[in-house]
Amino acid sequence: MTNSPALPNELPERFDVATLVALRDNPPRMGLWAMEVRRELFDRRTLLRPTPAFDTPTGPAILRRDELVALTSWPDPDAWQPGDRVMLPIEPSDEALARRYAEWLLALAERWRAEPLGENPHLGPCAVAPFSLHTAGTHRLWAIAAARLALPAAIRVEARHDLIGVRLAQVALGFGADTLSGPITTERHLPVAGVTRPDETTITGLRNLIEQAGLECALHEDTAPRALETGRQTVRVEISSLDLSPKGRKQ
């Protein structure tokens, strides 16, 4: 890593590229700040959001109306449509890519502030899901934290359990991720020998991961013709009833 500039002592009102990139070298600070912003925007509410199953994309991709579309380049801020969920591979060994990612986040935030994209309650909010094909310490957590620090509340930051692993996705809930997403497996209705807890990628299992992180699970039922099963601890809400407006930040 190159020498990073000194970080400010207090959470900035607006972030710049240098500060976002410098947080790569300070995981405690990036987690603290990302969670502070997350609480201001959403309190403890965390979306549990299903996705179709598909192979891990090797480049940027977008989930649009339940269809995966491979992209040849990162989506331009003006090209987004309501409900778009963008997946970006940010590899840890590419220093220039980390800076480009920070620049892209800030450009997207600026575009949203100037002209917010209309929201379709049936499609749910737009979202960004950064990941990497190679692991390297806290790099994936930095990519998620940077997105939450830079972007407005109208753009959700997803921890995709199918792209980064279910355990790291749970950790990412403590680094600014406000949505736990990925394919949902079917609940078991009969006891199975040796199984003492539900599969972690069922509705029940993922809800438990959210609640173990001290957060509140809010289910977003997608447009697929199927019902999502909930437990007594889950707060079921319509996505259109969620308050996604900023609370004192990112106007």
Protein backbone atom coordinates (compact mmCIF):
# COMPACT_ATOMS: atom_id res chain seq x y z
CA MET A 1 0.00 0.00 0.00
CA THR A 2 1.12 3.52 -0.69
CA ASN A 3 1.44 6.11 2.04
CA SER A 4 -2.04 7.32 2.96
CA PRO A 5 -2.99 10.83 4.04
CA ALA A 6 -3.93 11.37 7.66
CA LEU A 7 -7.60 10.74 8.36
CA PRO A 8 -9.71 13.43 10.05
CA ASN A 9 -10.63 12.81 13.66
CA GLU A 10 -14.36 13.26 13.09
CA LEU A 11 -16.71 11.70 10.56
CA PRO A 12 -16.70 13.99 7.50
CA GLU A 13 -19.97 15.43 6.26
CA ARG A 14 -18.87 14.61 2.71
CA PHE A 15 -16.10 12.25 1.66
CA ASP A 16 -13.44 12.76 -0.98
CA VAL A 17 -11.49 10.17 -2.93
CA ALA A 18 -8.34 10.43 -0.83
CA THR A 19 -10.19 9.85 2.45
CA LEU A 20 -12.13 6.87 1.12
CA VAL A 21 -8.97 5.25 -0.21
CA ALA A 22 -7.04 6.01 3.00
CA LEU A 23 -9.62 4.03 5.00
CA ARG A 24 -8.22 0.85 3.44
CA ASP A 25 -5.37 1.13 5.96
CA ASN A 26 -7.63 1.73 8.96
CA PRO A 27 -10.30 -1.01 9.25
CA PRO A 28 -11.48 0.04 12.74
CA ARG A 29 -12.12 3.62 11.59
CA MET A 30 -13.85 2.57 8.37
CA GLY A 31 -16.14 0.19 10.26
CA LEU A 32 -16.96 2.77 12.92
CA TRP A 33 -17.76 5.50 10.42
CA ALA A 34 -19.71 3.24 8.07
CA MET A 35 -21.91 2.00 10.91
CA GLU A 36 -22.46 5.54 12.17
CA VAL A 37 -23.74 6.57 8.74
CA ARG A 38 -25.78 3.39 8.42
CA ARG A 39 -27.52 4.03 11.76
CA GLU A 40 -28.32 7.61 10.77
CA LEU A 41 -29.92 6.43 7.53
CA PHE A 42 -31.68 3.22 8.53
CA ASP A 43 -31.33 2.77 12.30
CA ARG A 44 -31.20 -1.03 12.92
CA ARG A 45 -33.36 -2.01 9.94
CA THR A 46 -31.66 -4.40 7.53
CA LEU A 47 -33.24 -5.64 4.32
CA LEU A 48 -33.22 -9.36 3.59
CA ARG A 49 -33.55 -9.45 -0.17
CA PRO A 50 -33.66 -12.58 -2.35
CA THR A 51 -31.89 -12.87 -5.70
CA PRO A 52 -31.97 -15.51 -8.42
CA ALA A 53 -29.10 -18.00 -8.44
CA PHE A 54 -26.44 -17.45 -11.10
CA ASP A 55 -22.73 -17.96 -11.67
CA THR A 56 -20.42 -15.40 -10.10
CA PRO A 57 -19.84 -12.65 -12.67
CA THR A 58 -16.22 -12.14 -13.74
CA GLY A 59 -16.79 -8.47 -14.54
CA PRO A 60 -19.32 -5.76 -13.74
CA ALA A 61 -22.92 -6.91 -13.98
CA ILE A 62 -26.38 -5.65 -13.22
CA LEU A 63 -29.43 -7.45 -11.89
CA ARG A 64 -32.35 -5.80 -13.67
CA ARG A 65 -35.87 -7.16 -13.20
CA ASP A 66 -34.48 -10.52 -12.03
CA GLU A 67 -32.25 -10.88 -15.11
CA LEU A 68 -28.45 -10.79 -14.90
CA VAL A 69 -26.88 -8.55 -17.54
CA ALA A 70 -23.10 -8.64 -18.02
CA LEU A 71 -21.57 -5.20 -18.61
CA THR A 72 -18.48 -4.27 -20.58
CA SER A 73 -17.74 -1.33 -18.25
CA TRP A 74 -18.97 0.17 -15.01
CA PRO A 75 -22.45 1.65 -15.40
CA ASP A 76 -22.57 5.38 -16.01
CA PRO A 77 -24.52 7.24 -13.29
CA ASP A 78 -26.97 8.46 -15.95
CA ALA A 79 -27.70 4.94 -17.21
CA TRP A 80 -29.35 3.55 -14.07
CA GLN A 81 -32.98 2.41 -14.08
CA PRO A 82 -35.30 2.01 -11.05
CA GLY A 83 -34.52 -1.16 -9.14
CA ASP A 84 -31.07 -1.73 -10.69
CA ARG A 85 -28.70 -3.77 -8.52
CA VAL A 86 -25.10 -3.41 -9.66
CA MET A 87 -22.32 -5.89 -8.89
CA LEU A 88 -18.74 -4.67 -9.19
CA PRO A 89 -15.62 -6.82 -8.78
CA ILE A 90 -12.98 -4.70 -7.00
CA GLU A 91 -9.77 -6.72 -6.87
CA PRO A 92 -7.46 -6.11 -3.87
CA SER A 93 -4.17 -6.05 -5.78
CA ASP A 94 -5.15 -3.14 -8.04
CA GLU A 95 -4.40 0.16 -6.27
CA ALA A 96 -5.58 2.21 -9.24
CA LEU A 97 -8.86 0.30 -9.27
CA ALA A 98 -9.52 1.20 -5.63
CA ARG A 99 -9.15 4.89 -6.47
CA ARG A 100 -11.32 4.53 -9.55
CA TYR A 101 -13.97 2.81 -7.43
CA ALA A 102 -13.98 5.71 -4.94
CA GLU A 103 -14.28 8.20 -7.80
CA TRP A 104 -17.18 6.21 -9.28
CA LEU A 105 -19.01 6.11 -5.95
CA LEU A 106 -18.71 9.86 -5.47
CA ALA A 107 -19.80 10.57 -9.05
CA LEU A 108 -22.85 8.34 -8.55
CA ALA A 109 -23.69 10.11 -5.27
CA GLU A 110 -23.39 13.52 -6.92
CA ARG A 111 -25.67 12.45 -9.78
CA TRP A 112 -28.27 11.20 -7.30
CA ARG A 113 -28.18 14.44 -5.32
CA ALA A 114 -28.61 16.51 -8.48
CA GLU A 115 -31.43 14.41 -9.93
CA PRO A 116 -32.70 11.47 -7.85
CA LEU A 117 -33.92 8.49 -9.83
CA GLY A 118 -37.61 7.73 -9.40
CA GLU A 119 -38.34 4.66 -7.31
CA ASN A 120 -40.55 1.72 -8.23
CA PRO A 121 -41.87 0.03 -5.06
CA HIS A 122 -42.40 -3.24 -6.92
CA LEU A 123 -38.75 -3.40 -7.96
CA GLY A 124 -37.29 -2.16 -4.70
CA PRO A 125 -34.42 0.30 -4.25
CA CYS A 126 -31.32 0.51 -6.38
CA ALA A 127 -28.28 -1.16 -4.85
CA VAL A 128 -24.54 -1.66 -5.15
CA ALA A 129 -22.92 -5.00 -4.28
CA PRO A 130 -19.10 -4.82 -4.40
CA PHE A 131 -17.13 -8.06 -4.25
CA SER A 132 -13.82 -9.49 -5.35
CA LEU A 133 -12.81 -12.76 -6.94
CA HIS A 134 -9.68 -12.89 -4.77
CA THR A 135 -9.50 -12.48 -1.00
CA ALA A 136 -7.12 -10.12 0.78
CA GLY A 137 -7.65 -9.24 4.43
CA THR A 138 -10.33 -6.60 4.93
CA HIS A 139 -10.46 -5.44 1.30
CA ARG A 140 -14.02 -6.65 0.67
CA LEU A 141 -15.18 -4.95 3.86
CA TRP A 142 -13.52 -1.71 2.71
CA ALA A 143 -15.40 -1.85 -0.61
CA ILE A 144 -18.71 -2.20 1.24
CA ALA A 145 -17.88 0.47 3.85
CA ALA A 146 -16.75 2.94 1.16
CA ALA A 147 -20.05 2.50 -0.68
CA ARG A 148 -22.09 3.22 2.44
CA LEU A 149 -19.98 6.26 3.33
CA ALA A 150 -20.23 7.75 -0.17
CA LEU A 151 -23.74 6.92 -1.36
CA PRO A 152 -27.12 8.38 -0.41
CA ALA A 153 -29.79 6.37 1.37
CA ALA A 154 -31.71 5.75 -1.87
CA ILE A 155 -28.91 3.41 -3.02
CA ARG A 156 -28.68 0.35 -0.81
CA VAL A 157 -25.37 -1.39 -0.12
CA GLU A 158 -25.73 -5.16 -0.37
CA ALA A 159 -23.64 -7.88 1.23
CA ARG A 160 -24.19 -10.75 -1.20
CA HIS A 161 -23.68 -14.04 0.61
CA ASP A 162 -23.24 -15.85 -2.73
CA LEU A 163 -20.46 -13.47 -3.83
CA ILE A 164 -18.45 -12.99 -0.63
CA GLY A 165 -19.53 -15.94 1.54
CA VAL A 166 -22.21 -16.06 4.19
CA ARG A 167 -19.85 -15.48 7.15
CA LEU A 168 -18.18 -12.43 5.64
CA ALA A 169 -21.60 -11.14 4.59
CA GLN A 170 -22.63 -11.21 8.25
CA VAL A 171 -19.43 -9.38 9.24
CA ALA A 172 -20.16 -6.81 6.52
CA LEU A 173 -23.35 -5.88 8.38
CA GLY A 174 -20.96 -4.30 10.88
CA PHE A 175 -19.15 -2.40 8.12
CA GLY A 176 -22.07 -0.47 6.67
CA ALA A 177 -23.98 -3.05 4.62
CA ASP A 178 -27.70 -2.38 5.03
CA THR A 179 -28.95 -5.31 2.93
CA LEU A 180 -28.19 -9.03 3.17
CA SER A 181 -28.98 -10.62 -0.17
CA GLY A 182 -28.44 -13.67 -2.32
CA PRO A 183 -30.28 -16.84 -3.34
CA ILE A 184 -32.64 -18.27 -0.73
CA THR A 185 -32.71 -22.01 -0.08
CA THR A 186 -35.84 -23.88 0.92
CA GLU A 187 -36.70 -24.28 4.59
CA ARG A 188 -36.58 -27.78 6.01
CA HIS A 189 -39.92 -28.85 7.44
CA LEU A 190 -38.85 -32.26 8.72
CA PRO A 191 -36.04 -32.99 11.17
CA VAL A 192 -32.83 -34.25 9.56
CA ALA A 193 -30.35 -36.34 11.52
CA GLY A 194 -27.39 -34.33 12.70
CA VAL A 195 -28.84 -30.94 11.76
CA THR A 196 -29.20 -28.73 14.82
CA ARG A 197 -30.00 -25.40 13.14
CA PRO A 198 -31.59 -24.18 9.91
CA ASP A 199 -29.45 -23.82 6.81
CA GLU A 200 -27.82 -20.39 6.88
CA THR A 201 -29.18 -19.39 3.48
CA THR A 202 -32.84 -20.04 4.28
CA ILE A 203 -35.05 -17.15 5.32
CA THR A 204 -34.77 -18.32 8.92
CA GLY A 205 -31.01 -18.77 8.77
CA LEU A 206 -30.31 -15.39 7.18
CA ARG A 207 -32.74 -13.67 9.53
CA ASN A 208 -30.85 -15.21 12.45
CA LEU A 209 -27.54 -13.88 11.09
CA ILE A 210 -29.00 -10.37 10.94
CA GLU A 211 -30.40 -10.57 14.45
CA GLN A 212 -27.15 -12.03 15.82
CA ALA A 213 -25.49 -8.85 14.53
CA GLY A 214 -27.86 -6.81 16.73
CA LEU A 215 -29.97 -5.63 13.79
CA GLU A 216 -33.63 -5.87 12.80
CA CYS A 217 -34.62 -7.91 9.75
CA ALA A 218 -37.08 -6.43 7.26
CA LEU A 219 -38.06 -8.72 4.41
CA HIS A 220 -38.37 -7.41 0.89
CA GLU A 221 -40.58 -9.78 -1.10
CA ASP A 222 -39.44 -9.67 -4.69
CA THR A 223 -41.70 -9.84 -7.72
CA ALA A 224 -41.39 -13.61 -8.05
CA PRO A 225 -44.71 -15.45 -7.41
CA ARG A 226 -43.74 -17.03 -4.12
CA ALA A 227 -44.25 -16.28 -0.46
CA LEU A 228 -41.41 -15.67 1.95
CA GLU A 229 -41.70 -17.45 5.28
CA THR A 230 -41.05 -15.34 8.33
CA GLY A 231 -40.34 -16.02 11.97
CA ARG A 232 -41.82 -14.28 14.95
CA GLN A 233 -38.76 -12.07 15.35
CA THR A 234 -38.92 -10.71 11.82
CA VAL A 235 -40.58 -7.40 11.05
CA ARG A 236 -42.39 -7.76 7.75
CA VAL A 237 -42.72 -4.50 5.85
CA GLU A 238 -43.52 -3.29 2.37
CA ILE A 239 -40.50 -1.76 0.72
CA SER A 240 -42.51 1.37 -0.12
CA SER A 241 -43.14 1.94 3.59
CA LEU A 242 -39.44 2.07 4.47
CA ASP A 243 -38.14 5.54 5.20
CA LEU A 244 -35.20 5.78 2.83
CA SER A 245 -34.75 9.52 3.19
CA PRO A 246 -31.49 10.80 4.70
CA LYS A 247 -31.64 11.81 8.34
CA GLY A 248 -29.40 14.80 8.48
CA ARG A 249 -26.82 13.62 5.93
CA LYS A 250 -26.28 13.39 2.18
CA GLN A 251 -29.02 15.81 1.16
